[in-house]
N, C-alpha and C. Protein backbone atom coordinates (compact mmCIF):
# COMPACT_ATOMS: atom_id res chain seq x y z
N MET A 1 7.37 0.33 21.41
CA MET A 1 7.80 1.09 20.26
C MET A 1 6.77 2.17 20.01
N ASN A 2 7.21 3.43 19.96
CA ASN A 2 6.26 4.55 19.73
C ASN A 2 6.05 4.77 18.24
N ASP A 3 5.16 5.70 17.92
CA ASP A 3 4.83 5.99 16.51
C ASP A 3 6.04 6.41 15.68
N THR A 4 6.93 7.19 16.30
CA THR A 4 8.13 7.63 15.58
C THR A 4 9.03 6.47 15.25
N ASP A 5 9.19 5.57 16.25
CA ASP A 5 10.01 4.39 16.00
C ASP A 5 9.44 3.51 14.92
N LEU A 6 8.10 3.38 14.93
CA LEU A 6 7.46 2.53 13.90
C LEU A 6 7.65 3.16 12.51
N GLN A 7 7.46 4.49 12.41
CA GLN A 7 7.61 5.14 11.13
C GLN A 7 9.07 5.07 10.65
N ASN A 8 10.04 5.20 11.55
CA ASN A 8 11.44 5.07 11.19
C ASN A 8 11.74 3.64 10.68
N LEU A 9 11.16 2.67 11.30
CA LEU A 9 11.39 1.28 10.88
C LEU A 9 10.77 1.03 9.53
N ILE A 10 9.62 1.59 9.26
CA ILE A 10 8.96 1.47 7.93
C ILE A 10 9.87 2.11 6.88
N GLU A 11 10.39 3.28 7.18
CA GLU A 11 11.28 4.01 6.26
C GLU A 11 12.59 3.24 6.04
N GLU A 12 13.12 2.65 7.08
CA GLU A 12 14.34 1.82 6.94
C GLU A 12 14.04 0.62 6.05
N ALA A 13 12.91 0.00 6.27
CA ALA A 13 12.51 -1.17 5.46
C ALA A 13 12.41 -0.80 4.00
N THR A 14 11.81 0.36 3.73
CA THR A 14 11.66 0.82 2.35
C THR A 14 13.03 1.08 1.74
N PHE A 15 13.92 1.70 2.49
CA PHE A 15 15.27 1.95 2.04
C PHE A 15 15.97 0.60 1.78
N ASP A 16 15.88 -0.33 2.70
CA ASP A 16 16.49 -1.65 2.53
C ASP A 16 16.03 -2.26 1.21
N TYR A 17 14.74 -2.17 0.94
CA TYR A 17 14.20 -2.75 -0.28
C TYR A 17 14.83 -2.08 -1.51
N THR A 18 14.89 -0.78 -1.46
CA THR A 18 15.47 -0.05 -2.64
C THR A 18 16.93 -0.41 -2.84
N MET A 19 17.63 -0.82 -1.78
CA MET A 19 19.02 -1.18 -1.89
C MET A 19 19.18 -2.65 -2.15
N GLY A 20 18.10 -3.39 -2.38
CA GLY A 20 18.20 -4.80 -2.73
C GLY A 20 18.26 -5.70 -1.52
N GLU A 21 18.06 -5.17 -0.35
CA GLU A 21 18.10 -5.98 0.87
C GLU A 21 16.66 -6.44 1.25
N ASN A 22 16.11 -7.29 0.37
CA ASN A 22 14.75 -7.70 0.51
C ASN A 22 14.43 -8.39 1.83
N ASP A 23 15.28 -9.29 2.24
CA ASP A 23 15.02 -10.02 3.51
C ASP A 23 15.00 -9.08 4.70
N ASP A 24 15.92 -8.10 4.71
CA ASP A 24 15.93 -7.13 5.79
C ASP A 24 14.65 -6.29 5.79
N ALA A 25 14.23 -5.88 4.61
CA ALA A 25 13.04 -5.09 4.48
C ALA A 25 11.82 -5.87 5.01
N LEU A 26 11.70 -7.11 4.55
CA LEU A 26 10.53 -7.92 4.99
C LEU A 26 10.58 -8.19 6.47
N SER A 27 11.76 -8.40 7.02
CA SER A 27 11.88 -8.63 8.43
C SER A 27 11.46 -7.44 9.26
N LYS A 28 11.89 -6.27 8.85
CA LYS A 28 11.54 -5.04 9.57
C LYS A 28 10.00 -4.79 9.50
N LEU A 29 9.42 -5.02 8.33
CA LEU A 29 7.99 -4.80 8.19
C LEU A 29 7.21 -5.85 8.98
N ALA A 30 7.73 -7.06 9.07
CA ALA A 30 7.10 -8.05 9.92
C ALA A 30 7.09 -7.62 11.37
N ARG A 31 8.18 -7.04 11.83
CA ARG A 31 8.24 -6.52 13.18
C ARG A 31 7.21 -5.43 13.41
N VAL A 32 7.10 -4.53 12.45
CA VAL A 32 6.13 -3.45 12.64
C VAL A 32 4.69 -4.00 12.64
N THR A 33 4.39 -4.91 11.70
CA THR A 33 3.00 -5.36 11.64
C THR A 33 2.66 -6.25 12.85
N GLU A 34 3.67 -6.91 13.45
CA GLU A 34 3.39 -7.67 14.70
C GLU A 34 3.23 -6.73 15.88
N THR A 35 4.05 -5.70 15.93
CA THR A 35 4.02 -4.76 17.04
C THR A 35 2.81 -3.79 16.96
N ALA A 36 2.54 -3.39 15.71
CA ALA A 36 1.47 -2.40 15.49
C ALA A 36 0.58 -2.86 14.33
N PRO A 37 -0.25 -3.87 14.56
CA PRO A 37 -1.09 -4.35 13.45
C PRO A 37 -2.06 -3.34 12.91
N GLN A 38 -2.19 -2.20 13.54
CA GLN A 38 -3.06 -1.13 13.05
C GLN A 38 -2.33 -0.16 12.10
N SER A 39 -1.07 -0.48 11.79
CA SER A 39 -0.28 0.44 10.97
C SER A 39 -0.58 0.24 9.47
N PHE A 40 -1.41 1.12 8.97
CA PHE A 40 -1.76 1.07 7.54
C PHE A 40 -0.51 1.14 6.68
N GLU A 41 0.35 2.11 7.02
CA GLU A 41 1.56 2.33 6.24
C GLU A 41 2.44 1.07 6.14
N ALA A 42 2.57 0.35 7.27
CA ALA A 42 3.39 -0.87 7.25
C ALA A 42 2.77 -1.95 6.36
N TRP A 43 1.48 -2.15 6.49
CA TRP A 43 0.79 -3.18 5.67
C TRP A 43 0.90 -2.80 4.18
N HIS A 44 0.73 -1.53 3.89
CA HIS A 44 0.78 -1.12 2.48
C HIS A 44 2.22 -1.26 1.92
N ALA A 45 3.24 -0.89 2.69
CA ALA A 45 4.58 -1.07 2.25
C ALA A 45 4.90 -2.56 2.06
N LEU A 46 4.42 -3.38 2.98
CA LEU A 46 4.62 -4.82 2.85
C LEU A 46 3.94 -5.35 1.59
N ALA A 47 2.74 -4.92 1.32
CA ALA A 47 2.03 -5.34 0.10
C ALA A 47 2.80 -4.98 -1.14
N GLU A 48 3.30 -3.72 -1.19
CA GLU A 48 4.03 -3.27 -2.38
C GLU A 48 5.34 -4.05 -2.57
N ILE A 49 6.04 -4.30 -1.51
CA ILE A 49 7.31 -5.04 -1.62
C ILE A 49 7.00 -6.48 -2.03
N GLN A 50 6.06 -7.13 -1.39
CA GLN A 50 5.72 -8.51 -1.78
C GLN A 50 5.26 -8.55 -3.22
N PHE A 51 4.51 -7.57 -3.66
CA PHE A 51 4.02 -7.53 -5.06
C PHE A 51 5.24 -7.45 -6.00
N SER A 52 6.15 -6.56 -5.68
CA SER A 52 7.30 -6.37 -6.61
C SER A 52 8.18 -7.62 -6.61
N LEU A 53 8.16 -8.39 -5.53
CA LEU A 53 8.89 -9.66 -5.51
C LEU A 53 8.12 -10.79 -6.13
N ARG A 54 6.91 -10.46 -6.61
CA ARG A 54 5.99 -11.42 -7.27
C ARG A 54 5.51 -12.49 -6.28
N HIS A 55 5.39 -12.14 -5.03
CA HIS A 55 4.78 -13.00 -4.00
C HIS A 55 3.36 -12.53 -3.83
N PHE A 56 2.53 -12.93 -4.79
CA PHE A 56 1.18 -12.33 -4.88
C PHE A 56 0.27 -12.72 -3.75
N ASP A 57 0.35 -13.94 -3.23
CA ASP A 57 -0.50 -14.32 -2.11
C ASP A 57 -0.16 -13.48 -0.85
N GLU A 58 1.15 -13.35 -0.61
CA GLU A 58 1.57 -12.52 0.55
C GLU A 58 1.21 -11.07 0.34
N ALA A 59 1.37 -10.58 -0.88
CA ALA A 59 0.99 -9.19 -1.17
C ALA A 59 -0.49 -8.98 -0.96
N LEU A 60 -1.32 -9.96 -1.39
CA LEU A 60 -2.74 -9.81 -1.20
C LEU A 60 -3.10 -9.79 0.28
N HIS A 61 -2.53 -10.68 1.06
CA HIS A 61 -2.78 -10.69 2.49
C HIS A 61 -2.47 -9.33 3.13
N ALA A 62 -1.32 -8.80 2.83
CA ALA A 62 -0.91 -7.48 3.39
C ALA A 62 -1.83 -6.36 2.90
N ALA A 63 -2.16 -6.40 1.62
CA ALA A 63 -3.03 -5.36 1.07
C ALA A 63 -4.43 -5.43 1.67
N GLN A 64 -4.92 -6.62 1.91
CA GLN A 64 -6.24 -6.75 2.52
C GLN A 64 -6.21 -6.21 3.97
N LYS A 65 -5.12 -6.41 4.67
CA LYS A 65 -5.01 -5.88 5.99
C LYS A 65 -5.04 -4.35 5.95
N ALA A 66 -4.27 -3.78 5.03
CA ALA A 66 -4.24 -2.31 4.86
C ALA A 66 -5.61 -1.80 4.51
N HIS A 67 -6.26 -2.46 3.56
CA HIS A 67 -7.59 -2.05 3.11
C HIS A 67 -8.60 -2.07 4.26
N ALA A 68 -8.51 -3.05 5.10
CA ALA A 68 -9.42 -3.14 6.26
C ALA A 68 -9.24 -1.97 7.20
N LEU A 69 -8.04 -1.45 7.23
CA LEU A 69 -7.73 -0.29 8.08
C LEU A 69 -8.13 1.04 7.45
N ARG A 70 -8.03 1.10 6.12
CA ARG A 70 -8.31 2.38 5.41
C ARG A 70 -8.82 2.07 4.01
N ASN A 71 -10.10 1.69 3.94
CA ASN A 71 -10.63 1.25 2.62
C ASN A 71 -10.90 2.42 1.67
N ASP A 72 -10.79 3.65 2.12
CA ASP A 72 -11.03 4.80 1.23
C ASP A 72 -9.70 5.41 0.76
N ASP A 73 -8.60 4.63 0.83
CA ASP A 73 -7.31 5.11 0.34
C ASP A 73 -7.18 4.76 -1.16
N LEU A 74 -6.92 5.75 -1.93
CA LEU A 74 -6.73 5.57 -3.38
C LEU A 74 -5.62 4.54 -3.70
N PHE A 75 -4.50 4.64 -2.99
CA PHE A 75 -3.36 3.82 -3.35
C PHE A 75 -3.52 2.35 -2.98
N ILE A 76 -4.18 2.07 -1.85
CA ILE A 76 -4.35 0.65 -1.48
C ILE A 76 -5.39 0.01 -2.44
N ASN A 77 -6.33 0.77 -2.90
CA ASN A 77 -7.28 0.24 -3.89
C ASN A 77 -6.56 -0.06 -5.21
N THR A 78 -5.62 0.81 -5.60
CA THR A 78 -4.83 0.59 -6.78
C THR A 78 -3.93 -0.64 -6.59
N THR A 79 -3.34 -0.77 -5.45
CA THR A 79 -2.48 -1.94 -5.15
C THR A 79 -3.30 -3.21 -5.27
N LEU A 80 -4.48 -3.22 -4.68
CA LEU A 80 -5.35 -4.42 -4.77
C LEU A 80 -5.73 -4.72 -6.18
N SER A 81 -6.00 -3.71 -6.98
CA SER A 81 -6.30 -3.93 -8.38
C SER A 81 -5.16 -4.60 -9.11
N ARG A 82 -3.97 -4.11 -8.87
CA ARG A 82 -2.76 -4.69 -9.52
C ARG A 82 -2.54 -6.14 -9.11
N ILE A 83 -2.72 -6.40 -7.82
CA ILE A 83 -2.52 -7.75 -7.31
C ILE A 83 -3.52 -8.72 -7.93
N TRP A 84 -4.78 -8.34 -7.92
CA TRP A 84 -5.82 -9.21 -8.49
C TRP A 84 -5.62 -9.41 -9.97
N MET A 85 -5.14 -8.42 -10.68
CA MET A 85 -4.86 -8.59 -12.09
C MET A 85 -3.78 -9.65 -12.27
N GLU A 86 -2.72 -9.56 -11.50
CA GLU A 86 -1.63 -10.55 -11.60
C GLU A 86 -2.11 -11.93 -11.22
N LYS A 87 -3.06 -12.02 -10.31
CA LYS A 87 -3.58 -13.30 -9.90
C LYS A 87 -4.61 -13.87 -10.87
N GLY A 88 -4.95 -13.07 -11.89
CA GLY A 88 -5.82 -13.53 -12.97
C GLY A 88 -7.31 -13.32 -12.73
N ASP A 89 -7.65 -12.49 -11.73
CA ASP A 89 -9.04 -12.21 -11.45
C ASP A 89 -9.40 -10.77 -11.95
N LYS A 90 -9.69 -10.71 -13.21
CA LYS A 90 -9.91 -9.41 -13.84
C LYS A 90 -11.11 -8.67 -13.22
N ALA A 91 -12.18 -9.39 -12.92
CA ALA A 91 -13.39 -8.74 -12.36
C ALA A 91 -13.08 -8.07 -11.03
N THR A 92 -12.36 -8.77 -10.16
CA THR A 92 -12.04 -8.18 -8.86
C THR A 92 -11.05 -7.04 -9.04
N ALA A 93 -10.10 -7.19 -9.95
CA ALA A 93 -9.15 -6.14 -10.24
C ALA A 93 -9.89 -4.90 -10.73
N GLU A 94 -10.85 -5.07 -11.60
CA GLU A 94 -11.62 -3.93 -12.10
C GLU A 94 -12.44 -3.25 -10.99
N LYS A 95 -12.93 -4.06 -10.04
CA LYS A 95 -13.69 -3.49 -8.93
C LYS A 95 -12.83 -2.56 -8.12
N TYR A 96 -11.62 -2.99 -7.79
CA TYR A 96 -10.73 -2.11 -7.01
C TYR A 96 -10.20 -0.97 -7.87
N GLY A 97 -9.98 -1.23 -9.13
CA GLY A 97 -9.55 -0.10 -10.03
C GLY A 97 -10.60 0.97 -10.15
N ALA A 98 -11.87 0.54 -10.24
CA ALA A 98 -12.95 1.54 -10.29
C ALA A 98 -13.05 2.33 -8.99
N GLN A 99 -12.90 1.63 -7.88
CA GLN A 99 -12.91 2.33 -6.57
C GLN A 99 -11.79 3.33 -6.53
N ALA A 100 -10.58 2.97 -7.00
CA ALA A 100 -9.48 3.93 -7.02
C ALA A 100 -9.80 5.14 -7.87
N LYS A 101 -10.40 4.92 -9.01
CA LYS A 101 -10.78 6.07 -9.86
C LYS A 101 -11.78 6.98 -9.16
N ILE A 102 -12.76 6.42 -8.54
CA ILE A 102 -13.75 7.23 -7.81
C ILE A 102 -13.09 8.03 -6.70
N LEU A 103 -12.18 7.39 -5.96
CA LEU A 103 -11.48 8.11 -4.89
C LEU A 103 -10.58 9.22 -5.50
N GLY A 104 -10.00 8.97 -6.65
CA GLY A 104 -9.19 9.99 -7.30
C GLY A 104 -10.03 11.17 -7.73
N TRP A 105 -11.21 10.87 -8.26
CA TRP A 105 -12.13 11.97 -8.65
C TRP A 105 -12.60 12.76 -7.47
N LYS A 106 -12.92 12.07 -6.35
CA LYS A 106 -13.32 12.79 -5.14
C LYS A 106 -12.19 13.72 -4.68
N ASP A 107 -10.98 13.25 -4.73
CA ASP A 107 -9.85 14.09 -4.33
C ASP A 107 -9.72 15.29 -5.23
N GLN A 108 -9.92 15.09 -6.56
CA GLN A 108 -9.83 16.21 -7.48
C GLN A 108 -10.91 17.26 -7.18
N LEU A 109 -12.11 16.78 -6.81
CA LEU A 109 -13.17 17.73 -6.52
C LEU A 109 -12.91 18.51 -5.25
N LYS A 110 -12.31 17.83 -4.23
CA LYS A 110 -12.01 18.47 -2.98
C LYS A 110 -10.80 19.39 -3.06
N ASN A 111 -9.89 19.11 -3.98
CA ASN A 111 -8.61 19.82 -4.01
C ASN A 111 -8.19 20.07 -5.48
N PRO A 112 -8.99 20.86 -6.22
CA PRO A 112 -8.70 21.01 -7.62
C PRO A 112 -7.38 21.71 -7.93
N GLU A 113 -6.91 22.59 -7.04
CA GLU A 113 -5.66 23.28 -7.26
C GLU A 113 -4.48 22.28 -7.32
N ALA A 114 -4.55 21.26 -6.50
CA ALA A 114 -3.44 20.26 -6.46
C ALA A 114 -3.36 19.45 -7.75
N HIS A 115 -4.45 19.43 -8.46
CA HIS A 115 -4.48 18.64 -9.71
C HIS A 115 -4.31 19.49 -10.97
N GLN A 116 -3.95 20.75 -10.75
CA GLN A 116 -3.72 21.66 -11.87
C GLN A 116 -2.34 22.25 -11.78
N GLY A 117 -1.40 21.50 -11.22
CA GLY A 117 -0.03 21.97 -11.16
C GLY A 117 0.15 23.15 -10.21
N GLY A 118 -0.77 23.29 -9.23
CA GLY A 118 -0.65 24.36 -8.24
C GLY A 118 -1.14 25.69 -8.74
N VAL A 119 -1.66 25.77 -9.93
CA VAL A 119 -2.18 27.06 -10.47
C VAL A 119 -3.62 27.26 -9.96
N ALA A 120 -3.85 28.34 -9.32
CA ALA A 120 -5.20 28.63 -8.79
C ALA A 120 -6.05 29.28 -9.80
């Protein structure tokens, strides 16, 4: 499976989830993570879907895999914060939340126009 096939499968899984086909979505993401365990996007999508299904242990596992691949991603840090909050670990949730804020600020400093509605 090439990168385009993997991306298409992730997009199909996301679409399946939005259509209420949770088992199909999870099955497709399992295929991607088995075939391409280095796919940050697949692990993150899996974490978000498992989180929304309130499968917090599975969401945490997937989010940790994504974080190991790209620990400087604002969104995976936010996802981890949300998961830990639901699991009742406020201190760990705050750690990831703070990291997400720092990453957001760094992005604002690097790209201020994008954070001002495109006005230069």
